[in-house]
Protein backbone atom coordinates (compact mmCIF):
# COMPACT_ATOMS: atom_id res chain seq x y z
CA MET A 1 -26.57 -4.90 -8.34
CA ALA A 2 -24.87 -6.56 -5.38
CA GLY A 3 -24.04 -10.15 -6.22
CA ALA A 4 -24.57 -9.46 -9.92
CA ALA A 5 -22.15 -6.82 -11.19
CA ASP A 6 -18.97 -8.82 -10.67
CA SER A 7 -15.96 -8.70 -13.00
CA ALA A 8 -17.37 -11.27 -15.43
CA PHE A 9 -20.63 -9.37 -15.81
CA ARG A 10 -18.80 -6.07 -16.21
CA MET A 11 -16.65 -7.54 -19.00
CA ILE A 12 -19.77 -8.77 -20.78
CA ALA A 13 -21.37 -5.35 -20.33
CA LYS A 14 -18.31 -3.63 -21.80
CA GLU A 15 -18.42 -5.96 -24.79
CA GLY A 16 -22.11 -5.06 -25.06
CA GLY A 17 -21.29 -1.37 -25.36
CA ALA A 18 -21.23 0.00 -21.80
CA ALA A 19 -19.27 3.26 -21.71
CA MET A 20 -18.05 2.60 -18.18
CA VAL A 21 -18.75 0.22 -15.32
CA TYR A 22 -18.78 0.19 -11.52
CA SER A 23 -17.82 -2.43 -8.99
CA GLU A 24 -20.29 -4.02 -6.63
CA LEU A 25 -20.79 -2.21 -3.31
CA VAL A 26 -17.58 -2.27 -1.28
CA SER A 27 -17.79 -1.76 2.48
CA ALA A 28 -15.41 0.88 3.81
CA GLU A 29 -15.39 -0.88 7.17
CA GLY A 30 -14.54 -4.16 5.44
CA LEU A 31 -11.55 -2.54 3.73
CA VAL A 32 -10.33 -0.94 6.93
CA ARG A 33 -10.53 -4.33 8.65
CA ASP A 34 -8.72 -5.92 5.70
CA SER A 35 -11.49 -8.39 4.86
CA CYS A 36 -10.48 -10.76 2.07
CA LYS A 37 -14.05 -10.97 0.77
CA THR A 38 -14.22 -7.19 0.56
CA HIS A 39 -10.93 -7.00 -1.34
CA ASP A 40 -12.21 -9.63 -3.78
CA LEU A 41 -15.04 -7.28 -4.77
CA MET A 42 -12.49 -4.78 -6.10
CA VAL A 43 -10.69 -7.13 -8.49
CA PHE A 44 -10.99 -5.93 -12.07
CA SER A 45 -9.32 -6.51 -15.43
CA PRO A 46 -7.86 -3.91 -17.82
CA GLN A 47 -10.69 -4.68 -20.29
CA GLU A 48 -13.18 -3.20 -17.84
CA ARG A 49 -11.75 0.32 -17.91
CA PRO A 50 -12.97 2.93 -17.31
CA ILE A 51 -14.16 1.53 -13.99
CA GLY A 52 -15.20 3.06 -10.69
CA ILE A 53 -14.88 1.31 -7.32
CA GLN A 54 -18.09 1.92 -5.38
CA LEU A 55 -17.72 2.53 -1.64
CA PHE A 56 -20.33 2.73 1.09
CA GLY A 57 -20.07 3.64 4.75
CA SER A 58 -21.19 6.12 7.37
CA GLU A 59 -17.93 7.13 9.06
CA PRO A 60 -15.89 9.85 7.28
CA LYS A 61 -12.56 8.61 8.67
CA SER A 62 -13.22 5.03 7.58
CA MET A 63 -14.36 6.22 4.16
CA ALA A 64 -11.17 8.26 3.76
CA GLU A 65 -8.99 5.31 4.74
CA ALA A 66 -10.95 3.05 2.41
CA ALA A 67 -10.43 5.55 -0.42
CA ARG A 68 -6.67 5.26 0.08
CA HIS A 69 -6.95 1.47 -0.16
CA VAL A 70 -8.92 1.84 -3.39
CA GLU A 71 -6.50 4.34 -4.89
CA ALA A 72 -3.69 1.82 -4.56
CA LEU A 73 -5.53 -0.39 -7.07
CA GLN A 74 -5.62 2.47 -9.60
CA PRO A 75 -9.22 2.34 -10.83
CA ASP A 76 -10.40 5.29 -12.88
CA LEU A 77 -12.51 6.81 -10.12
CA ILE A 78 -14.03 6.29 -6.68
CA ASP A 79 -17.82 6.34 -6.39
CA ILE A 80 -19.60 6.91 -3.07
CA ASN A 81 -22.97 5.21 -2.81
CA PHE A 82 -25.61 7.30 -1.06
CA GLY A 83 -28.40 5.48 -2.86
CA CYS A 84 -28.52 1.84 -1.78
CA PRO A 85 -31.89 1.12 -0.10
CA VAL A 86 -31.28 -2.38 1.27
CA LYS A 87 -31.70 -2.92 5.01
CA LYS A 88 -28.29 -4.46 5.68
CA VAL A 89 -26.69 -1.25 4.38
CA ILE A 90 -29.00 1.40 5.82
CA LYS A 91 -29.13 -0.23 9.27
CA HIS A 92 -25.52 0.90 9.64
CA GLY A 93 -26.42 4.45 8.59
CA ALA A 94 -24.89 4.03 5.12
CA GLY A 95 -26.30 4.10 1.58
CA SER A 96 -29.47 6.14 1.25
CA ALA A 97 -29.65 6.56 5.06
CA VAL A 98 -27.02 9.29 4.69
CA LEU A 99 -29.61 11.39 2.85
CA LYS A 100 -31.30 11.92 6.22
CA ASP A 101 -28.21 13.77 7.47
CA LEU A 102 -26.75 16.07 4.84
CA SER A 103 -24.08 17.33 7.24
CA LEU A 104 -22.80 13.75 7.42
CA LEU A 105 -22.99 13.51 3.64
CA ARG A 106 -20.86 16.64 3.40
CA SER A 107 -18.30 15.24 5.83
CA ILE A 108 -18.03 11.95 3.95
CA VAL A 109 -17.60 13.58 0.55
CA HIS A 110 -15.04 16.03 1.93
CA ALA A 111 -13.06 13.24 3.59
CA VAL A 112 -12.94 11.03 0.51
CA VAL A 113 -12.09 13.84 -1.90
CA GLN A 114 -9.25 15.01 0.36
CA ALA A 115 -7.94 11.46 0.78
CA SER A 116 -7.70 10.57 -2.91
CA HIS A 117 -6.11 11.91 -6.07
CA LEU A 118 -8.72 10.05 -8.14
CA PRO A 119 -11.92 11.67 -9.36
CA VAL A 120 -14.69 11.10 -6.82
CA THR A 121 -18.33 10.71 -7.86
CA MET A 122 -21.52 9.98 -5.94
CA LYS A 123 -24.77 8.15 -6.46
CA ILE A 124 -27.84 9.39 -4.62
CA ARG A 125 -31.55 8.77 -4.49
CA ILE A 126 -33.84 11.78 -4.62
CA GLY A 127 -34.52 11.50 -0.88
CA TRP A 128 -35.43 9.19 1.98
CA ASP A 129 -39.16 9.53 1.26
CA HIS A 130 -41.53 11.90 -0.54
CA GLU A 131 -41.57 14.25 2.45
CA SER A 132 -37.80 14.71 2.22
CA ILE A 133 -36.73 15.24 -1.40
CA VAL A 134 -33.17 16.49 -0.94
CA ALA A 135 -31.50 15.63 -4.25
CA VAL A 136 -30.80 19.20 -5.32
CA GLU A 137 -29.35 20.21 -1.96
CA ALA A 138 -27.31 17.00 -1.75
CA ALA A 139 -25.95 17.50 -5.26
CA ARG A 140 -24.91 21.08 -4.50
CA ILE A 141 -23.09 19.87 -1.38
CA CYS A 142 -21.29 17.19 -3.39
CA GLU A 143 -20.25 19.72 -6.02
CA CYS A 144 -19.08 22.18 -3.37
CA GLU A 145 -16.94 19.51 -1.73
CA GLY A 146 -15.19 18.55 -4.96
CA ALA A 147 -17.29 15.84 -6.59
CA SER A 148 -16.50 15.22 -10.25
CA ALA A 149 -19.99 13.96 -11.16
CA ILE A 150 -23.21 12.75 -9.56
CA THR A 151 -25.68 10.02 -10.45
CA VAL A 152 -29.33 10.49 -9.51
CA HIS A 153 -31.55 7.44 -9.11
CA ALA A 154 -34.95 9.05 -9.41
CA ARG A 155 -36.68 7.16 -6.59
CA THR A 156 -36.80 7.68 -2.85
CA ARG A 157 -35.44 5.09 -0.47
CA SER A 158 -38.97 4.29 0.71
CA MET A 159 -39.93 3.34 -2.86
CA GLY A 160 -37.25 0.68 -3.10
CA TYR A 161 -37.42 -0.39 -6.74
CA SER A 162 -41.19 -0.03 -7.05
CA GLY A 163 -43.28 2.75 -8.51
CA LYS A 164 -42.26 5.12 -11.28
CA ALA A 165 -38.98 7.02 -11.17
CA ASP A 166 -39.45 10.80 -11.04
CA TRP A 167 -37.19 12.07 -13.78
CA THR A 168 -38.18 15.70 -13.10
CA VAL A 169 -35.83 15.63 -10.11
CA ILE A 170 -32.93 14.62 -12.36
CA ARG A 171 -33.63 17.74 -14.44
CA GLN A 172 -33.74 19.87 -11.29
CA VAL A 173 -30.34 18.53 -10.24
CA LYS A 174 -28.91 19.08 -13.72
CA GLU A 175 -30.06 22.69 -13.63
CA ALA A 176 -28.63 23.21 -10.14
CA VAL A 177 -25.02 22.06 -10.61
CA GLN A 178 -22.21 22.46 -13.11
CA ILE A 179 -20.69 18.98 -12.74
CA PRO A 180 -21.92 16.15 -15.00
CA VAL A 181 -25.18 14.50 -13.94
CA PHE A 182 -25.97 10.88 -14.76
CA GLY A 183 -29.60 9.79 -14.85
CA ASN A 184 -30.75 6.44 -13.49
CA GLY A 185 -34.08 4.69 -13.03
CA ASP A 186 -36.59 2.99 -15.34
CA VAL A 187 -34.30 2.78 -18.38
CA ILE A 188 -35.14 -0.58 -19.93
CA THR A 189 -35.15 0.18 -23.67
CA PRO A 190 -33.19 2.40 -26.06
CA GLN A 191 -36.27 4.62 -26.29
CA ASP A 192 -36.23 5.04 -22.51
CA ALA A 193 -32.61 6.22 -22.66
CA LYS A 194 -33.42 8.83 -25.31
CA HIS A 195 -36.46 10.02 -23.39
CA MET A 196 -34.37 10.44 -20.25
CA LEU A 197 -31.71 12.42 -22.08
CA ASP A 198 -34.32 14.61 -23.75
CA GLU A 199 -36.48 15.16 -20.67
CA THR A 200 -33.77 15.72 -18.08
CA GLY A 201 -30.78 17.09 -19.98
CA CYS A 202 -28.55 14.64 -18.09
CA ASP A 203 -25.09 14.00 -19.46
CA LEU A 204 -25.14 10.20 -19.35
CA VAL A 205 -27.62 7.44 -18.65
CA MET A 206 -26.79 4.75 -16.12
CA ILE A 207 -28.43 1.37 -16.71
CA GLY A 208 -28.48 -1.18 -13.90
CA ARG A 209 -31.28 -3.71 -13.62
CA GLY A 210 -32.19 -3.10 -17.27
CA ALA A 211 -28.93 -4.83 -18.26
CA MET A 212 -29.55 -7.99 -16.25
CA GLY A 213 -29.79 -10.81 -18.76
CA ARG A 214 -29.59 -8.20 -21.54
CA PRO A 215 -26.01 -6.87 -21.58
CA TRP A 216 -26.40 -5.96 -25.25
CA ILE A 217 -28.74 -3.10 -24.21
CA PHE A 218 -25.82 -0.65 -24.20
CA GLN A 219 -24.97 -1.24 -27.86
CA HIS A 220 -28.66 -0.98 -28.73
CA VAL A 221 -28.91 2.36 -26.93
CA HIS A 222 -25.85 3.75 -28.74
CA HIS A 223 -27.22 2.65 -32.11
CA PHE A 224 -30.65 4.13 -31.45
CA LEU A 225 -29.23 7.46 -30.30
CA GLN A 226 -27.00 7.68 -33.36
CA THR A 227 -29.44 6.48 -36.03
CA GLY A 228 -32.96 6.45 -34.60
CA GLU A 229 -33.16 2.77 -35.58
CA LEU A 230 -33.81 -0.14 -33.26
CA LEU A 231 -31.52 -3.15 -33.53
CA LEU A 232 -33.13 -6.57 -33.49
CA GLU A 233 -32.95 -8.46 -30.23
CA PRO A 234 -30.44 -11.34 -30.28
CA THR A 235 -31.77 -14.69 -31.43
CA LEU A 236 -32.18 -17.36 -28.79
CA ASP A 237 -28.98 -19.03 -29.97
CA GLU A 238 -27.10 -15.72 -29.74
CA ARG A 239 -28.52 -15.05 -26.29
CA PHE A 240 -27.36 -18.44 -25.03
CA LYS A 241 -23.89 -17.92 -26.51
CA ILE A 242 -23.57 -14.66 -24.58
CA CYS A 243 -24.79 -16.40 -21.44
CA LEU A 244 -22.20 -19.17 -21.83
CA LYS A 245 -19.42 -16.67 -22.50
CA HIS A 246 -20.47 -14.90 -19.33
CA LEU A 247 -20.26 -18.22 -17.49
CA ASP A 248 -16.83 -19.00 -18.97
CA LEU A 249 -15.47 -15.65 -17.81
CA SER A 250 -16.82 -16.34 -14.35
CA ILE A 251 -15.24 -19.80 -14.33
CA GLN A 252 -11.86 -18.30 -15.23
CA GLN A 253 -12.10 -15.99 -12.25
CA LYS A 254 -13.78 -18.20 -9.63
CA GLY A 255 -13.47 -21.81 -10.67
CA GLU A 256 -16.20 -23.98 -12.13
CA LYS A 257 -18.18 -25.02 -9.06
CA ARG A 258 -18.45 -21.56 -7.54
CA ALA A 259 -19.05 -19.85 -10.88
CA VAL A 260 -21.90 -22.14 -11.90
CA ARG A 261 -23.51 -21.72 -8.49
CA GLU A 262 -23.19 -17.92 -8.48
CA MET A 263 -24.37 -17.66 -12.10
CA ARG A 264 -27.77 -19.13 -11.24
CA LYS A 265 -29.41 -15.75 -10.81
CA GLN A 266 -27.85 -14.67 -14.11
CA PHE A 267 -29.29 -17.76 -15.83
CA GLY A 268 -32.70 -16.68 -14.58
CA TRP A 269 -32.31 -13.24 -16.13
CA TYR A 270 -31.03 -14.56 -19.46
CA ILE A 271 -34.04 -16.85 -19.90
CA LYS A 272 -36.66 -14.54 -18.45
CA GLY A 273 -39.75 -14.33 -20.63
CA LEU A 274 -39.04 -17.48 -22.63
CA ARG A 275 -41.71 -20.13 -22.99
CA GLY A 276 -40.80 -22.93 -20.59
CA ALA A 277 -38.48 -20.64 -18.61
CA SER A 278 -39.73 -21.82 -15.21
CA GLN A 279 -38.84 -25.45 -15.86
CA LEU A 280 -35.54 -24.54 -17.51
CA ARG A 281 -34.65 -22.32 -14.57
CA ALA A 282 -35.40 -25.08 -12.09
CA GLU A 283 -33.11 -27.45 -13.98
CA LEU A 284 -30.26 -24.95 -14.38
CA PHE A 285 -30.39 -24.10 -10.70
CA GLN A 286 -29.56 -27.72 -9.87
CA MET A 287 -26.46 -27.87 -12.07
CA THR A 288 -22.89 -27.63 -10.89
CA GLU A 289 -20.90 -28.14 -14.11
CA ARG A 290 -20.43 -25.96 -17.18
CA GLU A 291 -20.96 -28.81 -19.64
CA ALA A 292 -24.31 -29.68 -18.09
CA VAL A 293 -25.45 -26.07 -18.49
CA HIS A 294 -24.23 -25.99 -22.09
CA ALA A 295 -25.97 -29.27 -22.96
CA ARG A 296 -29.26 -28.15 -21.43
CA LEU A 297 -29.28 -24.83 -23.25
CA GLN A 298 -28.47 -26.55 -26.53
CA ALA A 299 -31.28 -29.01 -25.97
CA PHE A 300 -33.67 -26.15 -25.24
CA LEU A 301 -32.96 -24.70 -28.70
CA THR A 302 -34.46 -27.78 -30.34
CA GLU A 303 -37.48 -28.24 -28.09
């Protein structure tokens, strides 16, 4: 979700029914070194609450100091990411690389919990690879060290985002700890969310990539869980209005030129699956002004 789950997207997700949101990955080392870009990742609005600031790092002392920086901003919780599989994170021994050293994981969790008065949660993968499934042991360590909740992405690091998530491990974690367990992985539809809840017993469902270009998914999940009925997908006009509102929020926060440029990947998600999407995407990716984007989307409605 790096580069995608910024404040504008989180506000759209909240309007779409998300129960809570998390920041993009925030580097503990970046905070300790007082990087402006790192601090920018933690900016949030009151409308986004409840919100967790998501930290990553591999040094307990740096993580503790970073937690104190985060606490000063008064989010609702601090989340430690032990799940990110991308190379630029794991090459520094952070993210899912920590799952290869559970003593380090314990030290990081202990340091952050002791450094902050905020609730501290974690996100893990089920292991580094299929020969090292450590989710249950990792979750027990987190609970022992004072974690308030844990999210389990039901893939190994070696899987990346491919293959099928193994929800049975989420159930194993749920049965092993007393703290709340959030399930994550392969939830694309409201039916998926219900199946995960039923099959794993998890307390909440976390949706990440399934919300890209579809921030209304949260409301649809709530409705399905409450009524058993599926809401209709937004019309094309409604979808474009949400996309433009998303862009407008981004412009308010970043300015027009930067916002339009950074929204390009979001445009791609909003139009994914539409007939003529490839050509439309190519055109949108060349635009630098909000009005040009608006005019092109309006024209697409009549084509």
